[in-house]
Amino acid sequence: MTPQELETLAHLRRAKDLIDRDYAKPLDVPTMADKALMSPAHFSRQFRAAYGETPYSYLMTRRIERAMALLRVGMSVTDACMAVGCTSLGSFSSRFTEIVGMTPSEYGRHEHEAIRAMPPFVAKTLTRPARKASSRIGEATGRAGA
């Protein structure tokens, strides 16, 4: 790896850390790109090349991951939606269903005792949502939203 590639990865990591830390705040690609010291278009291309998904997709996956944890402890769908930074309950529910495979209400009603009994780092790994390849179609057309 060249020094330039390592520097690019370090800049991308700063933006990724911003998403992980501030997922519940209003974040957009220009804000993330500023953190990476890149233009928004270049940042989006570089982020996707490095991490396999767009910055927006990564942000929404992190938000859904956090919402899953809130729903497991009994928080309402609306409260979980707002707590993770989504402003549209409909878009949140659609994205949650797309990523998790069930609606937020269904997920919240499921029994989660086995997950609660696990050490947190194991539960986080086992419950991390996995995005399907077909879910990227909406991003390519610009129709993804929440």
N, C-alpha and C. Protein backbone atom coordinates (compact mmCIF):
# COMPACT_ATOMS: atom_id res chain seq x y z
N MET A 1 0.84 -1.17 0.00
CA MET A 1 0.00 0.00 0.00
C MET A 1 0.89 1.24 0.00
N THR A 2 0.53 2.19 -0.81
CA THR A 2 1.33 3.41 -0.92
C THR A 2 1.03 4.35 0.26
N PRO A 3 1.93 5.28 0.53
CA PRO A 3 1.65 6.26 1.58
C PRO A 3 0.37 7.05 1.31
N GLN A 4 0.09 7.36 0.04
CA GLN A 4 -1.13 8.10 -0.31
C GLN A 4 -2.38 7.27 0.01
N GLU A 5 -2.34 5.97 -0.29
CA GLU A 5 -3.47 5.09 0.01
C GLU A 5 -3.69 4.97 1.52
N LEU A 6 -2.62 4.90 2.27
CA LEU A 6 -2.73 4.85 3.73
C LEU A 6 -3.32 6.14 4.28
N GLU A 7 -2.91 7.27 3.70
CA GLU A 7 -3.45 8.56 4.13
C GLU A 7 -4.94 8.65 3.82
N THR A 8 -5.33 8.18 2.64
CA THR A 8 -6.75 8.17 2.26
C THR A 8 -7.55 7.32 3.23
N LEU A 9 -7.05 6.14 3.57
CA LEU A 9 -7.74 5.28 4.53
C LEU A 9 -7.86 5.93 5.90
N ALA A 10 -6.83 6.65 6.31
CA ALA A 10 -6.89 7.35 7.61
C ALA A 10 -7.97 8.42 7.58
N HIS A 11 -8.09 9.14 6.47
CA HIS A 11 -9.13 10.17 6.35
C HIS A 11 -10.52 9.53 6.34
N LEU A 12 -10.65 8.41 5.62
CA LEU A 12 -11.93 7.71 5.58
C LEU A 12 -12.29 7.18 6.96
N ARG A 13 -11.31 6.73 7.69
CA ARG A 13 -11.57 6.20 9.04
C ARG A 13 -12.10 7.30 9.96
N ARG A 14 -11.60 8.52 9.79
CA ARG A 14 -12.12 9.63 10.60
C ARG A 14 -13.61 9.85 10.33
N ALA A 15 -13.99 9.77 9.06
CA ALA A 15 -15.40 9.94 8.71
C ALA A 15 -16.23 8.77 9.23
N LYS A 16 -15.69 7.57 9.13
CA LYS A 16 -16.40 6.39 9.63
C LYS A 16 -16.57 6.48 11.15
N ASP A 17 -15.55 6.95 11.84
CA ASP A 17 -15.65 7.15 13.29
C ASP A 17 -16.70 8.20 13.62
N LEU A 18 -16.79 9.26 12.80
CA LEU A 18 -17.83 10.28 12.99
C LEU A 18 -19.21 9.64 12.90
N ILE A 19 -19.42 8.79 11.91
CA ILE A 19 -20.71 8.12 11.75
C ILE A 19 -20.99 7.23 12.96
N ASP A 20 -20.00 6.45 13.38
CA ASP A 20 -20.20 5.55 14.52
C ASP A 20 -20.51 6.32 15.80
N ARG A 21 -19.89 7.46 15.97
CA ARG A 21 -20.06 8.25 17.20
C ARG A 21 -21.32 9.10 17.17
N ASP A 22 -21.59 9.74 16.03
CA ASP A 22 -22.67 10.72 15.94
C ASP A 22 -23.83 10.26 15.06
N TYR A 23 -24.07 8.95 14.99
CA TYR A 23 -25.11 8.39 14.14
C TYR A 23 -26.49 9.01 14.38
N ALA A 24 -26.75 9.45 15.61
CA ALA A 24 -28.08 9.98 15.94
C ALA A 24 -28.22 11.45 15.58
N LYS A 25 -27.15 12.09 15.19
CA LYS A 25 -27.20 13.50 14.79
C LYS A 25 -27.50 13.60 13.30
N PRO A 26 -27.98 14.74 12.86
CA PRO A 26 -28.19 14.92 11.42
C PRO A 26 -26.83 14.89 10.69
N LEU A 27 -26.61 13.86 9.92
CA LEU A 27 -25.38 13.72 9.15
C LEU A 27 -25.72 13.62 7.68
N ASP A 28 -24.94 14.31 6.86
CA ASP A 28 -25.10 14.18 5.42
C ASP A 28 -23.72 13.96 4.82
N VAL A 29 -23.69 13.59 3.55
CA VAL A 29 -22.43 13.26 2.89
C VAL A 29 -21.46 14.44 2.91
N PRO A 30 -21.90 15.68 2.65
CA PRO A 30 -20.93 16.78 2.72
C PRO A 30 -20.26 16.92 4.09
N THR A 31 -21.00 16.71 5.17
CA THR A 31 -20.42 16.78 6.51
C THR A 31 -19.40 15.68 6.71
N MET A 32 -19.75 14.47 6.27
CA MET A 32 -18.82 13.34 6.38
C MET A 32 -17.58 13.58 5.53
N ALA A 33 -17.79 14.10 4.32
CA ALA A 33 -16.68 14.37 3.41
C ALA A 33 -15.73 15.41 3.99
N ASP A 34 -16.29 16.43 4.65
CA ASP A 34 -15.45 17.44 5.30
C ASP A 34 -14.53 16.80 6.33
N LYS A 35 -15.06 15.85 7.08
CA LYS A 35 -14.26 15.16 8.09
C LYS A 35 -13.12 14.38 7.45
N ALA A 36 -13.36 13.88 6.23
CA ALA A 36 -12.35 13.10 5.51
C ALA A 36 -11.46 13.99 4.63
N LEU A 37 -11.71 15.29 4.66
CA LEU A 37 -10.94 16.24 3.86
C LEU A 37 -11.03 15.93 2.36
N MET A 38 -12.24 15.61 1.90
CA MET A 38 -12.47 15.27 0.50
C MET A 38 -13.73 15.96 0.00
N SER A 39 -13.87 16.04 -1.31
CA SER A 39 -15.12 16.52 -1.88
C SER A 39 -16.17 15.43 -1.67
N PRO A 40 -17.45 15.80 -1.62
CA PRO A 40 -18.49 14.78 -1.39
C PRO A 40 -18.47 13.63 -2.40
N ALA A 41 -18.33 13.94 -3.69
CA ALA A 41 -18.34 12.87 -4.70
C ALA A 41 -17.13 11.95 -4.55
N HIS A 42 -15.96 12.54 -4.37
CA HIS A 42 -14.74 11.73 -4.21
C HIS A 42 -14.83 10.89 -2.94
N PHE A 43 -15.31 11.51 -1.87
CA PHE A 43 -15.47 10.79 -0.61
C PHE A 43 -16.39 9.59 -0.77
N SER A 44 -17.54 9.79 -1.42
CA SER A 44 -18.49 8.68 -1.61
C SER A 44 -17.86 7.53 -2.38
N ARG A 45 -17.12 7.86 -3.44
CA ARG A 45 -16.46 6.81 -4.23
C ARG A 45 -15.41 6.08 -3.40
N GLN A 46 -14.60 6.85 -2.68
CA GLN A 46 -13.53 6.24 -1.88
C GLN A 46 -14.10 5.41 -0.73
N PHE A 47 -15.13 5.90 -0.08
CA PHE A 47 -15.76 5.18 1.03
C PHE A 47 -16.31 3.84 0.54
N ARG A 48 -17.01 3.88 -0.57
CA ARG A 48 -17.59 2.64 -1.11
C ARG A 48 -16.49 1.65 -1.50
N ALA A 49 -15.42 2.15 -2.09
CA ALA A 49 -14.31 1.27 -2.48
C ALA A 49 -13.65 0.64 -1.25
N ALA A 50 -13.53 1.42 -0.17
CA ALA A 50 -12.85 0.91 1.03
C ALA A 50 -13.73 0.01 1.88
N TYR A 51 -15.04 0.36 2.00
CA TYR A 51 -15.90 -0.34 2.95
C TYR A 51 -17.02 -1.15 2.31
N GLY A 52 -17.17 -1.08 1.00
CA GLY A 52 -18.15 -1.92 0.31
C GLY A 52 -19.57 -1.41 0.34
N GLU A 53 -19.80 -0.23 0.87
CA GLU A 53 -21.13 0.38 0.86
C GLU A 53 -20.98 1.89 0.90
N THR A 54 -22.03 2.57 0.51
CA THR A 54 -21.99 4.03 0.49
C THR A 54 -21.99 4.58 1.91
N PRO A 55 -21.55 5.82 2.09
CA PRO A 55 -21.59 6.40 3.43
C PRO A 55 -23.01 6.44 4.00
N TYR A 56 -24.00 6.77 3.19
CA TYR A 56 -25.38 6.81 3.66
C TYR A 56 -25.85 5.41 4.09
N SER A 57 -25.50 4.42 3.30
CA SER A 57 -25.87 3.05 3.64
C SER A 57 -25.23 2.63 4.96
N TYR A 58 -23.97 2.97 5.15
CA TYR A 58 -23.30 2.65 6.40
C TYR A 58 -23.97 3.35 7.58
N LEU A 59 -24.30 4.62 7.40
CA LEU A 59 -24.99 5.37 8.45
C LEU A 59 -26.32 4.71 8.81
N MET A 60 -27.10 4.36 7.82
CA MET A 60 -28.40 3.75 8.11
C MET A 60 -28.26 2.37 8.75
N THR A 61 -27.25 1.61 8.34
CA THR A 61 -27.03 0.31 8.97
C THR A 61 -26.67 0.50 10.44
N ARG A 62 -25.84 1.48 10.75
CA ARG A 62 -25.50 1.76 12.15
C ARG A 62 -26.74 2.18 12.92
N ARG A 63 -27.58 3.03 12.31
CA ARG A 63 -28.80 3.48 13.00
C ARG A 63 -29.73 2.30 13.27
N ILE A 64 -29.88 1.42 12.29
CA ILE A 64 -30.74 0.24 12.47
C ILE A 64 -30.16 -0.67 13.54
N GLU A 65 -28.86 -0.83 13.54
CA GLU A 65 -28.20 -1.65 14.56
C GLU A 65 -28.51 -1.11 15.96
N ARG A 66 -28.41 0.19 16.14
CA ARG A 66 -28.69 0.79 17.44
C ARG A 66 -30.17 0.69 17.78
N ALA A 67 -31.03 0.85 16.76
CA ALA A 67 -32.47 0.73 16.99
C ALA A 67 -32.83 -0.69 17.42
N MET A 68 -32.17 -1.69 16.85
CA MET A 68 -32.42 -3.07 17.25
C MET A 68 -32.15 -3.25 18.75
N ALA A 69 -31.06 -2.68 19.22
CA ALA A 69 -30.73 -2.80 20.64
C ALA A 69 -31.80 -2.11 21.50
N LEU A 70 -32.28 -0.96 21.06
CA LEU A 70 -33.32 -0.25 21.82
C LEU A 70 -34.63 -1.01 21.82
N LEU A 71 -34.98 -1.61 20.69
CA LEU A 71 -36.22 -2.39 20.62
C LEU A 71 -36.14 -3.65 21.49
N ARG A 72 -34.94 -4.21 21.61
CA ARG A 72 -34.77 -5.41 22.45
C ARG A 72 -35.03 -5.12 23.92
N VAL A 73 -34.84 -3.88 24.34
CA VAL A 73 -35.07 -3.55 25.76
C VAL A 73 -36.44 -2.93 25.98
N GLY A 74 -37.29 -2.97 24.94
CA GLY A 74 -38.67 -2.57 25.11
C GLY A 74 -39.04 -1.16 24.69
N MET A 75 -38.15 -0.43 24.06
CA MET A 75 -38.48 0.91 23.60
C MET A 75 -39.49 0.83 22.47
N SER A 76 -40.37 1.80 22.36
CA SER A 76 -41.35 1.81 21.27
C SER A 76 -40.65 2.09 19.94
N VAL A 77 -41.29 1.69 18.86
CA VAL A 77 -40.72 1.90 17.53
C VAL A 77 -40.50 3.38 17.26
N THR A 78 -41.49 4.21 17.59
CA THR A 78 -41.37 5.65 17.36
C THR A 78 -40.21 6.24 18.15
N ASP A 79 -40.10 5.87 19.41
CA ASP A 79 -39.02 6.39 20.24
C ASP A 79 -37.66 5.92 19.74
N ALA A 80 -37.57 4.65 19.34
CA ALA A 80 -36.30 4.12 18.80
C ALA A 80 -35.93 4.85 17.51
N CYS A 81 -36.92 5.09 16.66
CA CYS A 81 -36.69 5.81 15.40
C CYS A 81 -36.08 7.18 15.68
N MET A 82 -36.67 7.92 16.56
CA MET A 82 -36.19 9.26 16.87
C MET A 82 -34.86 9.23 17.61
N ALA A 83 -34.66 8.24 18.47
CA ALA A 83 -33.43 8.15 19.26
C ALA A 83 -32.20 7.90 18.40
N VAL A 84 -32.39 7.24 17.26
CA VAL A 84 -31.24 6.94 16.40
C VAL A 84 -31.05 7.98 15.30
N GLY A 85 -31.86 9.02 15.30
CA GLY A 85 -31.64 10.11 14.37
C GLY A 85 -32.46 10.09 13.10
N CYS A 86 -33.40 9.18 12.99
CA CYS A 86 -34.28 9.16 11.82
C CYS A 86 -35.45 10.11 12.08
N THR A 87 -35.88 10.80 11.04
CA THR A 87 -36.96 11.77 11.21
C THR A 87 -38.26 11.30 10.59
N SER A 88 -38.23 10.26 9.79
CA SER A 88 -39.42 9.72 9.15
C SER A 88 -39.65 8.30 9.63
N LEU A 89 -40.75 8.08 10.35
CA LEU A 89 -41.06 6.75 10.85
C LEU A 89 -41.27 5.77 9.70
N GLY A 90 -41.91 6.23 8.63
CA GLY A 90 -42.16 5.35 7.48
C GLY A 90 -40.86 4.91 6.81
N SER A 91 -39.95 5.85 6.58
CA SER A 91 -38.67 5.50 5.96
C SER A 91 -37.85 4.61 6.89
N PHE A 92 -37.87 4.92 8.18
CA PHE A 92 -37.16 4.10 9.15
C PHE A 92 -37.69 2.66 9.12
N SER A 93 -39.01 2.51 9.16
CA SER A 93 -39.61 1.17 9.17
C SER A 93 -39.29 0.42 7.88
N SER A 94 -39.34 1.11 6.76
CA SER A 94 -39.00 0.46 5.48
C SER A 94 -37.56 -0.01 5.47
N ARG A 95 -36.65 0.86 5.89
CA ARG A 95 -35.23 0.49 5.89
C ARG A 95 -34.96 -0.61 6.90
N PHE A 96 -35.59 -0.54 8.07
CA PHE A 96 -35.42 -1.58 9.10
C PHE A 96 -35.86 -2.92 8.53
N THR A 97 -37.04 -2.95 7.89
CA THR A 97 -37.56 -4.20 7.33
C THR A 97 -36.64 -4.72 6.24
N GLU A 98 -36.13 -3.83 5.41
CA GLU A 98 -35.22 -4.22 4.33
C GLU A 98 -33.95 -4.86 4.88
N ILE A 99 -33.40 -4.30 5.93
CA ILE A 99 -32.13 -4.77 6.47
C ILE A 99 -32.30 -5.98 7.39
N VAL A 100 -33.31 -5.93 8.26
CA VAL A 100 -33.47 -6.97 9.29
C VAL A 100 -34.33 -8.13 8.81
N GLY A 101 -35.26 -7.85 7.90
CA GLY A 101 -36.12 -8.92 7.40
C GLY A 101 -37.45 -9.03 8.11
N MET A 102 -37.71 -8.12 9.02
CA MET A 102 -39.00 -8.05 9.70
C MET A 102 -39.22 -6.60 10.12
N THR A 103 -40.46 -6.27 10.39
CA THR A 103 -40.75 -4.89 10.79
C THR A 103 -40.18 -4.61 12.18
N PRO A 104 -39.99 -3.35 12.51
CA PRO A 104 -39.51 -3.03 13.86
C PRO A 104 -40.45 -3.55 14.95
N SER A 105 -41.75 -3.48 14.72
CA SER A 105 -42.72 -3.98 15.71
C SER A 105 -42.56 -5.48 15.91
N GLU A 106 -42.41 -6.22 14.82
CA GLU A 106 -42.19 -7.67 14.93
C GLU A 106 -40.91 -7.96 15.70
N TYR A 107 -39.86 -7.24 15.35
CA TYR A 107 -38.57 -7.44 16.01
C TYR A 107 -38.68 -7.18 17.52
N GLY A 108 -39.36 -6.10 17.87
CA GLY A 108 -39.52 -5.76 19.28
C GLY A 108 -40.31 -6.80 20.06
N ARG A 109 -41.26 -7.47 19.39
CA ARG A 109 -42.09 -8.49 20.06
C ARG A 109 -41.37 -9.82 20.24
N HIS A 110 -40.31 -10.07 19.46
CA HIS A 110 -39.58 -11.32 19.58
C HIS A 110 -38.92 -11.46 20.95
N GLU A 111 -38.72 -12.68 21.35
CA GLU A 111 -38.03 -12.97 22.60
C GLU A 111 -36.53 -12.77 22.37
N HIS A 112 -35.88 -12.02 23.24
CA HIS A 112 -34.46 -11.71 23.09
C HIS A 112 -33.66 -12.14 24.31
N GLU A 113 -34.17 -13.09 25.08
CA GLU A 113 -33.49 -13.52 26.31
C GLU A 113 -32.09 -14.05 26.04
N ALA A 114 -31.91 -14.83 24.97
CA ALA A 114 -30.59 -15.39 24.66
C ALA A 114 -29.58 -14.27 24.39
N ILE A 115 -30.02 -13.24 23.70
CA ILE A 115 -29.13 -12.12 23.39
C ILE A 115 -28.78 -11.36 24.66
N ARG A 116 -29.75 -11.17 25.54
CA ARG A 116 -29.49 -10.45 26.80
C ARG A 116 -28.50 -11.20 27.68
N ALA A 117 -28.45 -12.53 27.55
CA ALA A 117 -27.56 -13.34 28.37
C ALA A 117 -26.12 -13.34 27.85
N MET A 118 -25.92 -12.89 26.63
CA MET A 118 -24.58 -12.88 26.03
C MET A 118 -23.76 -11.68 26.50
N PRO A 119 -22.44 -11.84 26.52
CA PRO A 119 -21.61 -10.66 26.76
C PRO A 119 -21.89 -9.64 25.64
N PRO A 120 -21.87 -8.36 25.97
CA PRO A 120 -22.24 -7.34 24.98
C PRO A 120 -21.47 -7.42 23.66
N PHE A 121 -20.16 -7.72 23.70
CA PHE A 121 -19.41 -7.76 22.46
C PHE A 121 -19.84 -8.93 21.57
N VAL A 122 -20.28 -10.03 22.16
CA VAL A 122 -20.78 -11.17 21.39
C VAL A 122 -22.15 -10.83 20.80
N ALA A 123 -23.02 -10.27 21.62
CA ALA A 123 -24.36 -9.89 21.15
C ALA A 123 -24.26 -8.89 20.01
N LYS A 124 -23.37 -7.92 20.13
CA LYS A 124 -23.21 -6.92 19.07
C LYS A 124 -22.81 -7.57 17.76
N THR A 125 -21.89 -8.51 17.82
CA THR A 125 -21.42 -9.20 16.62
C THR A 125 -22.53 -10.06 16.01
N LEU A 126 -23.24 -10.79 16.85
CA LEU A 126 -24.26 -11.72 16.34
C LEU A 126 -25.53 -11.02 15.85
N THR A 127 -25.80 -9.84 16.38
CA THR A 127 -27.03 -9.15 15.99
C THR A 127 -26.79 -8.04 14.97
N ARG A 128 -25.56 -7.85 14.54
CA ARG A 128 -25.26 -6.80 13.56
C ARG A 128 -26.04 -7.07 12.27
N PRO A 129 -26.79 -6.09 11.80
CA PRO A 129 -27.58 -6.31 10.58
C PRO A 129 -26.66 -6.47 9.38
N ALA A 130 -27.06 -7.35 8.49
CA ALA A 130 -26.30 -7.59 7.26
C ALA A 130 -27.13 -7.13 6.08
N ARG A 131 -26.60 -6.21 5.34
CA ARG A 131 -27.29 -5.65 4.18
C ARG A 131 -27.20 -6.63 3.02
N LYS A 132 -28.33 -6.79 2.34
CA LYS A 132 -28.37 -7.66 1.16
C LYS A 132 -27.95 -6.85 -0.05
N ALA A 133 -27.38 -7.51 -1.06
CA ALA A 133 -26.92 -6.82 -2.27
C ALA A 133 -28.06 -6.11 -2.98
N SER A 134 -29.26 -6.69 -2.98
CA SER A 134 -30.39 -6.09 -3.69
C SER A 134 -30.84 -4.79 -3.05
N SER A 135 -30.46 -4.55 -1.78
CA SER A 135 -30.90 -3.33 -1.11
C SER A 135 -30.16 -2.11 -1.62
N ARG A 136 -29.12 -2.31 -2.38
CA ARG A 136 -28.36 -1.18 -2.90
C ARG A 136 -29.01 -0.58 -4.14
N ILE A 137 -30.04 -1.18 -4.66
CA ILE A 137 -30.71 -0.66 -5.84
C ILE A 137 -31.29 0.71 -5.55
N GLY A 138 -31.93 0.89 -4.41
CA GLY A 138 -32.52 2.18 -4.05
C GLY A 138 -31.47 3.26 -3.92
N GLU A 139 -30.27 2.89 -3.45
CA GLU A 139 -29.22 3.88 -3.32
C GLU A 139 -28.73 4.32 -4.69
N ALA A 140 -28.63 3.39 -5.62
CA ALA A 140 -28.12 3.72 -6.94
C ALA A 140 -29.07 4.68 -7.66
N THR A 141 -30.35 4.56 -7.37
CA THR A 141 -31.33 5.43 -8.01
C THR A 141 -31.62 6.68 -7.21
N GLY A 142 -31.01 6.76 -6.01
CA GLY A 142 -31.24 7.92 -5.17
C GLY A 142 -32.56 7.90 -4.45
N ARG A 143 -33.21 6.75 -4.36
CA ARG A 143 -34.52 6.65 -3.74
C ARG A 143 -34.47 6.19 -2.30
N ALA A 144 -33.29 5.98 -1.77
CA ALA A 144 -33.19 5.58 -0.37
C ALA A 144 -33.38 6.80 0.50
N GLY A 145 -34.05 6.64 1.63
CA GLY A 145 -34.23 7.81 2.48
C GLY A 145 -34.75 7.49 3.86
N ALA A 146 -34.38 8.29 4.79
CA ALA A 146 -34.89 8.22 6.17
C ALA A 146 -34.40 9.42 6.91
